[in-house]
Amino acid sequence: MDTRNSFRIAADGSRVVPLEKGVMGHGGPVSEVKLRPPTYRDFMELGDPTTLVVSANAMVPHDDLDTIRGYIGRICDLDALLMEKVTLRDAMALRDAVKSFFTAGSASASTTSPTT
């Protein structure tokens, strides 16, 4: 199940995930979910959604699904009860969208040169 390119980045940095199968919300059908960028407080309280597992002299990234769930619950514009109705593909796309906030941040932080 390929979820790459399953979300778009809005001008404000939010991630917008189109739902494979829409859900019925209080105001009518919902066809996409928006995740706002995490804040300092979000990060300090929830932590990094990816941990490194050391095994056989290698460091392997591992998704911390509890942390990812925490971010989705905090930064998502969809009611938690409706979130229970999204498909597996949509859940995986939401996971990827959350992780993208951190991979984009890590990439830009590691490529900037220090100023003196």
PDB file of N, CA and C in Angstrom:
ATOM      1  N   MET A   1       0.858  -1.176   0.000  1.00  0.00           N
ATOM      2  CA  MET A   1       0.000   0.000   0.000  1.00  0.00           C
ATOM      3  C   MET A   1       0.898   1.231   0.000  1.00  0.00           C
ATOM      4  N   ASP A   2       0.921   1.940  -1.084  1.00  0.00           N
ATOM      5  CA  ASP A   2       1.802   3.087  -1.236  1.00  0.00           C
ATOM      6  C   ASP A   2       1.069   4.360  -0.846  1.00  0.00           C
ATOM      7  N   THR A   3       1.599   5.065   0.160  1.00  0.00           N
ATOM      8  CA  THR A   3       0.961   6.312   0.612  1.00  0.00           C
ATOM      9  C   THR A   3       1.811   7.536   0.263  1.00  0.00           C
ATOM     10  N   ARG A   4       2.922   7.338  -0.469  1.00  0.00           N
ATOM     11  CA  ARG A   4       3.743   8.487  -0.845  1.00  0.00           C
ATOM     12  C   ARG A   4       2.931   9.466  -1.679  1.00  0.00           C
ATOM     13  N   ASN A   5       3.211  10.739  -1.507  1.00  0.00           N
ATOM     14  CA  ASN A   5       2.507  11.801  -2.217  1.00  0.00           C
ATOM     15  C   ASN A   5       1.007  11.769  -1.947  1.00  0.00           C
ATOM     16  N   SER A   6       0.625  11.293  -0.771  1.00  0.00           N
ATOM     17  CA  SER A   6      -0.785  11.194  -0.441  1.00  0.00           C
ATOM     18  C   SER A   6      -1.280  12.394   0.358  1.00  0.00           C
ATOM     19  N   PHE A   7      -0.454  13.423   0.446  1.00  0.00           N
ATOM     20  CA  PHE A   7      -0.878  14.667   1.087  1.00  0.00           C
ATOM     21  C   PHE A   7      -0.188  15.806   0.360  1.00  0.00           C
ATOM     22  N   ARG A   8      -0.722  16.990   0.558  1.00  0.00           N
ATOM     23  CA  ARG A   8      -0.088  18.172  -0.040  1.00  0.00           C
ATOM     24  C   ARG A   8       0.251  19.146   1.079  1.00  0.00           C
ATOM     25  N   ILE A   9       1.197  19.997   0.806  1.00  0.00           N
ATOM     26  CA  ILE A   9       1.612  21.002   1.784  1.00  0.00           C
ATOM     27  C   ILE A   9       0.972  22.328   1.390  1.00  0.00           C
ATOM     28  N   ALA A  10       0.169  22.870   2.287  1.00  0.00           N
ATOM     29  CA  ALA A  10      -0.498  24.150   2.054  1.00  0.00           C
ATOM     30  C   ALA A  10       0.486  25.297   2.251  1.00  0.00           C
ATOM     31  N   ALA A  11       0.106  26.466   1.818  1.00  0.00           N
ATOM     32  CA  ALA A  11       0.972  27.649   1.901  1.00  0.00           C
ATOM     33  C   ALA A  11       1.389  27.961   3.337  1.00  0.00           C
ATOM     34  N   ASP A  12       0.535  27.638   4.311  1.00  0.00           N
ATOM     35  CA  ASP A  12       0.865  27.924   5.708  1.00  0.00           C
ATOM     36  C   ASP A  12       1.684  26.804   6.357  1.00  0.00           C
ATOM     37  N   GLY A  13       2.064  25.794   5.576  1.00  0.00           N
ATOM     38  CA  GLY A  13       2.857  24.691   6.098  1.00  0.00           C
ATOM     39  C   GLY A  13       2.035  23.516   6.600  1.00  0.00           C
ATOM     40  N   SER A  14       0.713  23.675   6.621  1.00  0.00           N
ATOM     41  CA  SER A  14      -0.157  22.572   7.019  1.00  0.00           C
ATOM     42  C   SER A  14      -0.063  21.443   6.007  1.00  0.00           C
ATOM     43  N   ARG A  15      -0.385  20.237   6.467  1.00  0.00           N
ATOM     44  CA  ARG A  15      -0.465  19.083   5.575  1.00  0.00           C
ATOM     45  C   ARG A  15      -1.943  18.786   5.365  1.00  0.00           C
ATOM     46  N   VAL A  16      -2.338  18.631   4.119  1.00  0.00           N
ATOM     47  CA  VAL A  16      -3.726  18.348   3.779  1.00  0.00           C
ATOM     48  C   VAL A  16      -3.774  16.949   3.175  1.00  0.00           C
ATOM     49  N   VAL A  17      -4.523  16.069   3.827  1.00  0.00           N
ATOM     50  CA  VAL A  17      -4.625  14.670   3.415  1.00  0.00           C
ATOM     51  C   VAL A  17      -6.015  14.427   2.840  1.00  0.00           C
ATOM     52  N   PRO A  18      -6.115  14.176   1.524  1.00  0.00           N
ATOM     53  CA  PRO A  18      -7.414  13.820   0.962  1.00  0.00           C
ATOM     54  C   PRO A  18      -7.802  12.417   1.432  1.00  0.00           C
ATOM     55  N   LEU A  19      -9.031  12.246   1.856  1.00  0.00           N
ATOM     56  CA  LEU A  19      -9.474  10.952   2.362  1.00  0.00           C
ATOM     57  C   LEU A  19      -9.897  10.039   1.214  1.00  0.00           C
ATOM     58  N   GLU A  20      -9.459   8.795   1.286  1.00  0.00           N
ATOM     59  CA  GLU A  20      -9.824   7.786   0.291  1.00  0.00           C
ATOM     60  C   GLU A  20     -11.341   7.597   0.274  1.00  0.00           C
ATOM     61  N   LYS A  21     -11.900   7.540   1.472  1.00  0.00           N
ATOM     62  CA  LYS A  21     -13.349   7.395   1.629  1.00  0.00           C
ATOM     63  C   LYS A  21     -13.770   8.442   2.645  1.00  0.00           C
ATOM     64  N   GLY A  22     -14.525   9.445   2.193  1.00  0.00           N
ATOM     65  CA  GLY A  22     -14.938  10.521   3.089  1.00  0.00           C
ATOM     66  C   GLY A  22     -15.751  10.017   4.271  1.00  0.00           C
ATOM     67  N   VAL A  23     -15.835  10.830   5.294  1.00  0.00           N
ATOM     68  CA  VAL A  23     -16.632  10.508   6.476  1.00  0.00           C
ATOM     69  C   VAL A  23     -17.704  11.584   6.640  1.00  0.00           C
ATOM     70  N   MET A  24     -18.783  11.230   7.295  1.00  0.00           N
ATOM     71  CA  MET A  24     -19.875  12.175   7.508  1.00  0.00           C
ATOM     72  C   MET A  24     -19.662  12.893   8.835  1.00  0.00           C
ATOM     73  N   GLY A  25     -19.430  14.193   8.758  1.00  0.00           N
ATOM     74  CA  GLY A  25     -19.236  15.009   9.945  1.00  0.00           C
ATOM     75  C   GLY A  25     -20.524  15.711  10.343  1.00  0.00           C
ATOM     76  N   HIS A  26     -20.444  16.516  11.393  1.00  0.00           N
ATOM     77  CA  HIS A  26     -21.618  17.255  11.874  1.00  0.00           C
ATOM     78  C   HIS A  26     -22.119  18.245  10.823  1.00  0.00           C
ATOM     79  N   GLY A  27     -21.184  18.810  10.066  1.00  0.00           N
ATOM     80  CA  GLY A  27     -21.553  19.791   9.055  1.00  0.00           C
ATOM     81  C   GLY A  27     -21.663  19.212   7.658  1.00  0.00           C
ATOM     82  N   GLY A  28     -21.670  17.897   7.533  1.00  0.00           N
ATOM     83  CA  GLY A  28     -21.760  17.265   6.222  1.00  0.00           C
ATOM     84  C   GLY A  28     -20.547  16.391   5.949  1.00  0.00           C
ATOM     85  N   PRO A  29     -20.390  15.977   4.699  1.00  0.00           N
ATOM     86  CA  PRO A  29     -19.277  15.074   4.368  1.00  0.00           C
ATOM     87  C   PRO A  29     -17.922  15.772   4.484  1.00  0.00           C
ATOM     88  N   VAL A  30     -16.936  15.007   4.949  1.00  0.00           N
ATOM     89  CA  VAL A  30     -15.560  15.498   5.076  1.00  0.00           C
ATOM     90  C   VAL A  30     -14.715  14.686   4.111  1.00  0.00           C
ATOM     91  N   SER A  31     -14.027  15.372   3.196  1.00  0.00           N
ATOM     92  CA  SER A  31     -13.251  14.668   2.174  1.00  0.00           C
ATOM     93  C   SER A  31     -11.742  14.833   2.348  1.00  0.00           C
ATOM     94  N   GLU A  32     -11.334  15.691   3.270  1.00  0.00           N
ATOM     95  CA  GLU A  32      -9.910  15.860   3.526  1.00  0.00           C
ATOM     96  C   GLU A  32      -9.690  16.279   4.973  1.00  0.00           C
ATOM     97  N   VAL A  33      -8.472  16.020   5.448  1.00  0.00           N
ATOM     98  CA  VAL A  33      -8.091  16.344   6.817  1.00  0.00           C
ATOM     99  C   VAL A  33      -6.890  17.281   6.749  1.00  0.00           C
ATOM    100  N   LYS A  34      -6.896  18.281   7.605  1.00  0.00           N
ATOM    101  CA  LYS A  34      -5.790  19.242   7.645  1.00  0.00           C
ATOM    102  C   LYS A  34      -5.055  19.105   8.974  1.00  0.00           C
ATOM    103  N   LEU A  35      -3.732  19.010   8.883  1.00  0.00           N
ATOM    104  CA  LEU A  35      -2.877  18.958  10.068  1.00  0.00           C
ATOM    105  C   LEU A  35      -2.079  20.255  10.127  1.00  0.00           C
ATOM    106  N   ARG A  36      -2.248  21.010  11.196  1.00  0.00           N
ATOM    107  CA  ARG A  36      -1.485  22.252  11.333  1.00  0.00           C
ATOM    108  C   ARG A  36      -0.053  21.894  11.748  1.00  0.00           C
ATOM    109  N   PRO A  37       0.903  22.773  11.463  1.00  0.00           N
ATOM    110  CA  PRO A  37       2.280  22.496  11.892  1.00  0.00           C
ATOM    111  C   PRO A  37       2.375  22.414  13.418  1.00  0.00           C
ATOM    112  N   PRO A  38       3.142  21.457  13.926  1.00  0.00           N
ATOM    113  CA  PRO A  38       3.337  21.370  15.379  1.00  0.00           C
ATOM    114  C   PRO A  38       4.060  22.605  15.912  1.00  0.00           C
ATOM    115  N   THR A  39       3.781  22.923  17.149  1.00  0.00           N
ATOM    116  CA  THR A  39       4.431  24.053  17.812  1.00  0.00           C
ATOM    117  C   THR A  39       5.533  23.547  18.751  1.00  0.00           C
ATOM    118  N   TYR A  40       6.259  24.466  19.319  1.00  0.00           N
ATOM    119  CA  TYR A  40       7.271  24.148  20.332  1.00  0.00           C
ATOM    120  C   TYR A  40       6.636  23.322  21.451  1.00  0.00           C
ATOM    121  N   ARG A  41       5.500  23.799  21.940  1.00  0.00           N
ATOM    122  CA  ARG A  41       4.829  23.102  23.049  1.00  0.00           C
ATOM    123  C   ARG A  41       4.440  21.673  22.653  1.00  0.00           C
ATOM    124  N   ASP A  42       3.895  21.521  21.440  1.00  0.00           N
ATOM    125  CA  ASP A  42       3.544  20.179  20.963  1.00  0.00           C
ATOM    126  C   ASP A  42       4.771  19.268  21.008  1.00  0.00           C
ATOM    127  N   PHE A  43       5.886  19.758  20.478  1.00  0.00           N
ATOM    128  CA  PHE A  43       7.096  18.949  20.404  1.00  0.00           C
ATOM    129  C   PHE A  43       7.646  18.623  21.794  1.00  0.00           C
ATOM    130  N   MET A  44       7.675  19.609  22.669  1.00  0.00           N
ATOM    131  CA  MET A  44       8.212  19.371  24.009  1.00  0.00           C
ATOM    132  C   MET A  44       7.346  18.417  24.823  1.00  0.00           C
ATOM    133  N   GLU A  45       6.035  18.440  24.580  1.00  0.00           N
ATOM    134  CA  GLU A  45       5.142  17.551  25.321  1.00  0.00           C
ATOM    135  C   GLU A  45       5.029  16.156  24.700  1.00  0.00           C
ATOM    136  N   LEU A  46       5.108  16.066  23.372  1.00  0.00           N
ATOM    137  CA  LEU A  46       4.904  14.777  22.706  1.00  0.00           C
ATOM    138  C   LEU A  46       6.203  14.105  22.261  1.00  0.00           C
ATOM    139  N   GLY A  47       7.202  14.895  21.916  1.00  0.00           N
ATOM    140  CA  GLY A  47       8.475  14.330  21.480  1.00  0.00           C
ATOM    141  C   GLY A  47       8.525  14.041  19.997  1.00  0.00           C
ATOM    142  N   ASP A  48       9.564  13.320  19.609  1.00  0.00           N
ATOM    143  CA  ASP A  48       9.810  12.987  18.207  1.00  0.00           C
ATOM    144  C   ASP A  48       9.005  11.742  17.836  1.00  0.00           C
ATOM    145  N   PRO A  49       8.331  11.744  16.680  1.00  0.00           N
ATOM    146  CA  PRO A  49       7.529  10.582  16.296  1.00  0.00           C
ATOM    147  C   PRO A  49       8.349   9.396  15.782  1.00  0.00           C
ATOM    148  N   THR A  50       9.640   9.586  15.629  1.00  0.00           N
ATOM    149  CA  THR A  50      10.504   8.502  15.170  1.00  0.00           C
ATOM    150  C   THR A  50      11.610   8.286  16.186  1.00  0.00           C
ATOM    151  N   THR A  51      11.807   7.042  16.574  1.00  0.00           N
ATOM    152  CA  THR A  51      12.900   6.701  17.478  1.00  0.00           C
ATOM    153  C   THR A  51      13.915   5.877  16.703  1.00  0.00           C
ATOM    154  N   LEU A  52      15.137   5.861  17.184  1.00  0.00           N
ATOM    155  CA  LEU A  52      16.176   5.045  16.568  1.00  0.00           C
ATOM    156  C   LEU A  52      16.393   3.813  17.428  1.00  0.00           C
ATOM    157  N   VAL A  53      16.315   2.666  16.802  1.00  0.00           N
ATOM    158  CA  VAL A  53      16.536   1.397  17.472  1.00  0.00           C
ATOM    159  C   VAL A  53      17.910   0.899  17.060  1.00  0.00           C
ATOM    160  N   VAL A  54      18.746   0.602  18.055  1.00  0.00           N
ATOM    161  CA  VAL A  54      20.089   0.113  17.776  1.00  0.00           C
ATOM    162  C   VAL A  54      20.049  -1.407  17.786  1.00  0.00           C
ATOM    163  N   SER A  55      20.507  -1.982  16.677  1.00  0.00           N
ATOM    164  CA  SER A  55      20.499  -3.434  16.548  1.00  0.00           C
ATOM    165  C   SER A  55      21.632  -3.851  15.616  1.00  0.00           C
ATOM    166  N   ALA A  56      22.440  -4.798  16.055  1.00  0.00           N
ATOM    167  CA  ALA A  56      23.543  -5.334  15.242  1.00  0.00           C
ATOM    168  C   ALA A  56      24.396  -4.215  14.651  1.00  0.00           C
ATOM    169  N   ASN A  57      24.790  -3.272  15.512  1.00  0.00           N
ATOM    170  CA  ASN A  57      25.655  -2.160  15.106  1.00  0.00           C
ATOM    171  C   ASN A  57      25.034  -1.249  14.043  1.00  0.00           C
ATOM    172  N   ALA A  58      23.728  -1.211  13.991  1.00  0.00           N
ATOM    173  CA  ALA A  58      23.036  -0.324  13.050  1.00  0.00           C
ATOM    174  C   ALA A  58      21.939   0.420  13.799  1.00  0.00           C
ATOM    175  N   MET A  59      21.671   1.633  13.352  1.00  0.00           N
ATOM    176  CA  MET A  59      20.582   2.421  13.921  1.00  0.00           C
ATOM    177  C   MET A  59      19.448   2.442  12.892  1.00  0.00           C
ATOM    178  N   VAL A  60      18.306   1.917  13.291  1.00  0.00           N
ATOM    179  CA  VAL A  60      17.172   1.790  12.388  1.00  0.00           C
ATOM    180  C   VAL A  60      16.029   2.668  12.901  1.00  0.00           C
ATOM    181  N   PRO A  61      15.487   3.553  12.034  1.00  0.00           N
ATOM    182  CA  PRO A  61      14.361   4.378  12.481  1.00  0.00           C
ATOM    183  C   PRO A  61      13.119   3.528  12.695  1.00  0.00           C
ATOM    184  N   HIS A  62      12.353   3.893  13.724  1.00  0.00           N
ATOM    185  CA  HIS A  62      11.134   3.168  14.067  1.00  0.00           C
ATOM    186  C   HIS A  62      10.040   4.187  14.383  1.00  0.00           C
ATOM    187  N   ASP A  63       8.877   4.027  13.746  1.00  0.00           N
ATOM    188  CA  ASP A  63       7.754   4.932  14.009  1.00  0.00           C
ATOM    189  C   ASP A  63       7.199   4.673  15.400  1.00  0.00           C
ATOM    190  N   ASP A  64       7.082   5.727  16.197  1.00  0.00           N
ATOM    191  CA  ASP A  64       6.454   5.640  17.517  1.00  0.00           C
ATOM    192  C   ASP A  64       4.980   5.985  17.321  1.00  0.00           C
ATOM    193  N   LEU A  65       4.151   4.958  17.143  1.00  0.00           N
ATOM    194  CA  LEU A  65       2.753   5.188  16.802  1.00  0.00           C
ATOM    195  C   LEU A  65       1.974   5.888  17.909  1.00  0.00           C
ATOM    196  N   ASP A  66       2.357   5.690  19.167  1.00  0.00           N
ATOM    197  CA  ASP A  66       1.678   6.420  20.250  1.00  0.00           C
ATOM    198  C   ASP A  66       1.929   7.921  20.121  1.00  0.00           C
ATOM    199  N   THR A  67       3.161   8.288  19.805  1.00  0.00           N
ATOM    200  CA  THR A  67       3.494   9.703  19.633  1.00  0.00           C
ATOM    201  C   THR A  67       2.792  10.266  18.400  1.00  0.00           C
ATOM    202  N   ILE A  68       2.788   9.516  17.309  1.00  0.00           N
ATOM    203  CA  ILE A  68       2.110   9.965  16.086  1.00  0.00           C
ATOM    204  C   ILE A  68       0.623  10.151  16.361  1.00  0.00           C
ATOM    205  N   ARG A  69       0.022   9.214  17.080  1.00  0.00           N
ATOM    206  CA  ARG A  69      -1.399   9.333  17.449  1.00  0.00           C
ATOM    207  C   ARG A  69      -1.625  10.607  18.275  1.00  0.00           C
ATOM    208  N   GLY A  70      -0.695  10.898  19.179  1.00  0.00           N
ATOM    209  CA  GLY A  70      -0.801  12.112  19.983  1.00  0.00           C
ATOM    210  C   GLY A  70      -0.776  13.370  19.129  1.00  0.00           C
ATOM    211  N   TYR A  71       0.131  13.399  18.147  1.00  0.00           N
ATOM    212  CA  TYR A  71       0.176  14.551  17.238  1.00  0.00           C
ATOM    213  C   TYR A  71      -1.112  14.673  16.441  1.00  0.00           C
ATOM    214  N   ILE A  72      -1.586  13.562  15.888  1.00  0.00           N
ATOM    215  CA  ILE A  72      -2.809  13.622  15.086  1.00  0.00           C
ATOM    216  C   ILE A  72      -3.962  14.146  15.943  1.00  0.00           C
ATOM    217  N   GLY A  73      -4.080  13.665  17.158  1.00  0.00           N
ATOM    218  CA  GLY A  73      -5.144  14.133  18.043  1.00  0.00           C
ATOM    219  C   GLY A  73      -5.044  15.604  18.364  1.00  0.00           C
ATOM    220  N   ARG A  74      -3.835  16.128  18.379  1.00  0.00           N
ATOM    221  CA  ARG A  74      -3.614  17.520  18.775  1.00  0.00           C
ATOM    222  C   ARG A  74      -3.651  18.494  17.604  1.00  0.00           C
ATOM    223  N   ILE A  75      -3.143  18.110  16.439  1.00  0.00           N
ATOM    224  CA  ILE A  75      -2.976  19.073  15.342  1.00  0.00           C
ATOM    225  C   ILE A  75      -3.965  18.877  14.190  1.00  0.00           C
ATOM    226  N   CYS A  76      -4.849  17.907  14.326  1.00  0.00           N
ATOM    227  CA  CYS A  76      -5.797  17.570  13.264  1.00  0.00           C
ATOM    228  C   CYS A  76      -7.093  18.369  13.410  1.00  0.00           C
ATOM    229  N   ASP A  77      -7.681  18.732  12.268  1.00  0.00           N
ATOM    230  CA  ASP A  77      -8.935  19.489  12.315  1.00  0.00           C
ATOM    231  C   ASP A  77     -10.172  18.595  12.308  1.00  0.00           C
ATOM    232  N   LEU A  78      -9.982  17.281  12.381  1.00  0.00           N
ATOM    233  CA  LEU A  78     -11.105  16.348  12.371  1.00  0.00           C
ATOM    234  C   LEU A  78     -11.371  15.840  13.784  1.00  0.00           C
ATOM    235  N   ASP A  79     -12.630  15.796  14.163  1.00  0.00           N
ATOM    236  CA  ASP A  79     -13.042  15.299  15.470  1.00  0.00           C
ATOM    237  C   ASP A  79     -12.507  13.877  15.682  1.00  0.00           C
ATOM    238  N   ALA A  80     -12.053  13.584  16.896  1.00  0.00           N
ATOM    239  CA  ALA A  80     -11.460  12.280  17.211  1.00  0.00           C
ATOM    240  C   ALA A  80     -12.422  11.126  16.930  1.00  0.00           C
ATOM    241  N   LEU A  81     -13.705  11.314  17.156  1.00  0.00           N
ATOM    242  CA  LEU A  81     -14.671  10.248  16.884  1.00  0.00           C
ATOM    243  C   LEU A  81     -14.768   9.960  15.390  1.00  0.00           C
ATOM    244  N   LEU A  82     -14.660  10.990  14.571  1.00  0.00           N
ATOM    245  CA  LEU A  82     -14.689  10.785  13.128  1.00  0.00           C
ATOM    246  C   LEU A  82     -13.386  10.153  12.638  1.00  0.00           C
ATOM    247  N   MET A  83     -12.289  10.437  13.336  1.00  0.00           N
ATOM    248  CA  MET A  83     -11.004   9.879  12.953  1.00  0.00           C
ATOM    249  C   MET A  83     -11.047   8.359  12.980  1.00  0.00           C
ATOM    250  N   GLU A  84     -11.843   7.801  13.875  1.00  0.00           N
ATOM    251  CA  GLU A  84     -11.963   6.347  13.988  1.00  0.00           C
ATOM    252  C   GLU A  84     -12.539   5.716  12.719  1.00  0.00           C
ATOM    253  N   LYS A  85     -13.147   6.513  11.862  1.00  0.00           N
ATOM    254  CA  LYS A  85     -13.809   5.987  10.666  1.00  0.00           C
ATOM    255  C   LYS A  85     -12.940   6.037   9.410  1.00  0.00           C
ATOM    256  N   VAL A  86     -11.759   6.619   9.472  1.00  0.00           N
ATOM    257  CA  VAL A  86     -10.934   6.702   8.264  1.00  0.00           C
ATOM    258  C   VAL A  86     -10.343   5.330   7.943  1.00  0.00           C
ATOM    259  N   THR A  87     -10.014   5.128   6.676  1.00  0.00           N
ATOM    260  CA  THR A  87      -9.487   3.839   6.223  1.00  0.00           C
ATOM    261  C   THR A  87      -8.026   3.657   6.648  1.00  0.00           C
ATOM    262  N   LEU A  88      -7.541   2.436   6.495  1.00  0.00           N
ATOM    263  CA  LEU A  88      -6.138   2.155   6.792  1.00  0.00           C
ATOM    264  C   LEU A  88      -5.223   3.009   5.919  1.00  0.00           C
ATOM    265  N   ARG A  89      -5.523   3.129   4.635  1.00  0.00           N
ATOM    266  CA  ARG A  89      -4.715   3.944   3.739  1.00  0.00           C
ATOM    267  C   ARG A  89      -4.649   5.387   4.242  1.00  0.00           C
ATOM    268  N   ASP A  90      -5.792   5.915   4.680  1.00  0.00           N
ATOM    269  CA  ASP A  90      -5.827   7.285   5.194  1.00  0.00           C
ATOM    270  C   ASP A  90      -5.034   7.405   6.492  1.00  0.00           C
ATOM    271  N   ALA A  91      -5.125   6.391   7.352  1.00  0.00           N
ATOM    272  CA  ALA A  91      -4.347   6.396   8.599  1.00  0.00           C
ATOM    273  C   ALA A  91      -2.855   6.428   8.295  1.00  0.00           C
ATOM    274  N   MET A  92      -2.437   5.666   7.303  1.00  0.00           N
ATOM    275  CA  MET A  92      -1.021   5.643   6.931  1.00  0.00           C
ATOM    276  C   MET A  92      -0.593   6.967   6.301  1.00  0.00           C
ATOM    277  N   ALA A  93      -1.486   7.576   5.526  1.00  0.00           N
ATOM    278  CA  ALA A  93      -1.184   8.889   4.950  1.00  0.00           C
ATOM    279  C   ALA A  93      -1.066   9.940   6.047  1.00  0.00           C
ATOM    280  N   LEU A  94      -1.918   9.867   7.065  1.00  0.00           N
ATOM    281  CA  LEU A  94      -1.834  10.796   8.194  1.00  0.00           C
ATOM    282  C   LEU A  94      -0.522  10.596   8.946  1.00  0.00           C
ATOM    283  N   ARG A  95      -0.124   9.342   9.142  1.00  0.00           N
ATOM    284  CA  ARG A  95       1.176   9.044   9.776  1.00  0.00           C
ATOM    285  C   ARG A  95       2.312   9.697   8.982  1.00  0.00           C
ATOM    286  N   ASP A  96       2.288   9.513   7.661  1.00  0.00           N
ATOM    287  CA  ASP A  96       3.338  10.078   6.813  1.00  0.00           C
ATOM    288  C   ASP A  96       3.341  11.600   6.865  1.00  0.00           C
ATOM    289  N   ALA A  97       2.155  12.193   6.916  1.00  0.00           N
ATOM    290  CA  ALA A  97       2.059  13.649   6.981  1.00  0.00           C
ATOM    291  C   ALA A  97       2.649  14.174   8.283  1.00  0.00           C
ATOM    292  N   VAL A  98       2.365  13.510   9.401  1.00  0.00           N
ATOM    293  CA  VAL A  98       2.942  13.925  10.684  1.00  0.00           C
ATOM    294  C   VAL A  98       4.459  13.817  10.617  1.00  0.00           C
ATOM    295  N   LYS A  99       4.967  12.689  10.148  1.00  0.00           N
ATOM    296  CA  LYS A  99       6.419  12.490  10.085  1.00  0.00           C
ATOM    297  C   LYS A  99       7.084  13.520   9.175  1.00  0.00           C
ATOM    298  N   SER A 100       6.379  13.971   8.140  1.00  0.00           N
ATOM    299  CA  SER A 100       6.973  14.931   7.201  1.00  0.00           C
ATOM    300  C   SER A 100       7.315  16.263   7.867  1.00  0.00           C
ATOM    301  N   PHE A 101       6.579  16.647   8.909  1.00  0.00           N
ATOM    302  CA  PHE A 101       6.928  17.880   9.618  1.00  0.00           C
ATOM    303  C   PHE A 101       8.341  17.777  10.186  1.00  0.00           C
ATOM    304  N   PHE A 102       8.708  16.600  10.628  1.00  0.00           N
ATOM    305  CA  PHE A 102       9.988  16.393  11.302  1.00  0.00           C
ATOM    306  C   PHE A 102      11.113  16.108  10.319  1.00  0.00           C
ATOM    307  N   THR A 103      10.824  15.401   9.249  1.00  0.00           N
ATOM    308  CA  THR A 103      11.867  15.146   8.260  1.00  0.00           C
ATOM    309  C   THR A 103      12.207  16.425   7.518  1.00  0.00           C
ATOM    310  N   ALA A 104      11.205  17.256   7.250  1.00  0.00           N
ATOM    311  CA  ALA A 104      11.466  18.540   6.595  1.00  0.00           C
ATOM    312  C   ALA A 104      12.279  19.439   7.520  1.00  0.00           C
ATOM    313  N   GLY A 105      11.942  19.448   8.809  1.00  0.00           N
ATOM    314  CA  GLY A 105      12.676  20.252   9.780  1.00  0.00           C
ATOM    315  C   GLY A 105      14.091  19.769   9.962  1.00  0.00           C
ATOM    316  N   SER A 106      14.283  18.460  10.006  1.00  0.00           N
ATOM    317  CA  SER A 106      15.625  17.894  10.173  1.00  0.00           C
ATOM    318  C   SER A 106      16.485  18.185   8.971  1.00  0.00           C
ATOM    319  N   ALA A 107      15.901  18.061   7.779  1.00  0.00           N
ATOM    320  CA  ALA A 107      16.670  18.289   6.553  1.00  0.00           C
ATOM    321  C   ALA A 107      17.131  19.736   6.468  1.00  0.00           C
ATOM    322  N   SER A 108      16.261  20.669   6.802  1.00  0.00           N
ATOM    323  CA  SER A 108      16.667  22.074   6.706  1.00  0.00           C
ATOM    324  C   SER A 108      17.639  22.432   7.812  1.00  0.00           C
ATOM    325  N   ALA A 109      17.501  21.827   8.976  1.00  0.00           N
ATOM    326  CA  ALA A 109      18.401  22.130  10.075  1.00  0.00           C
ATOM    327  C   ALA A 109      19.790  21.570   9.799  1.00  0.00           C
ATOM    328  N   SER A 110      19.874  20.426   9.138  1.00  0.00           N
ATOM    329  CA  SER A 110      21.178  19.820   8.925  1.00  0.00           C
ATOM    330  C   SER A 110      21.900  20.393   7.717  1.00  0.00           C
ATOM    331  N   THR A 111      21.191  21.128   6.864  1.00  0.00           N
ATOM    332  CA  THR A 111      21.850  21.673   5.683  1.00  0.00           C
ATOM    333  C   THR A 111      22.226  23.134   5.818  1.00  0.00           C
ATOM    334  N   THR A 112      21.818  23.770   6.898  1.00  0.00           N
ATOM    335  CA  THR A 112      22.184  25.168   7.087  1.00  0.00           C
ATOM    336  C   THR A 112      23.570  25.256   7.696  1.00  0.00           C
ATOM    337  N   SER A 113      24.344  26.162   7.203  1.00  0.00           N
ATOM    338  CA  SER A 113      25.691  26.316   7.744  1.00  0.00           C
ATOM    339  C   SER A 113      25.665  27.306   8.900  1.00  0.00           C
ATOM    340  N   PRO A 114      26.511  27.089   9.887  1.00  0.00           N
ATOM    341  CA  PRO A 114      26.528  27.991  11.035  1.00  0.00           C
ATOM    342  C   PRO A 114      27.015  29.392  10.632  1.00  0.00           C
ATOM    343  N   THR A 115      26.494  30.389  11.329  1.00  0.00           N
ATOM    344  CA  THR A 115      26.933  31.756  11.074  1.00  0.00           C
ATOM    345  C   THR A 115      27.923  32.153  12.156  1.00  0.00           C
ATOM    346  N   THR A 116      28.889  32.897  11.767  1.00  0.00           N
ATOM    347  CA  THR A 116      29.897  33.338  12.751  1.00  0.00           C
ATOM    348  C   THR A 116      29.927  34.830  12.850  1.00  0.00           C
TER     349      THR A 116
END
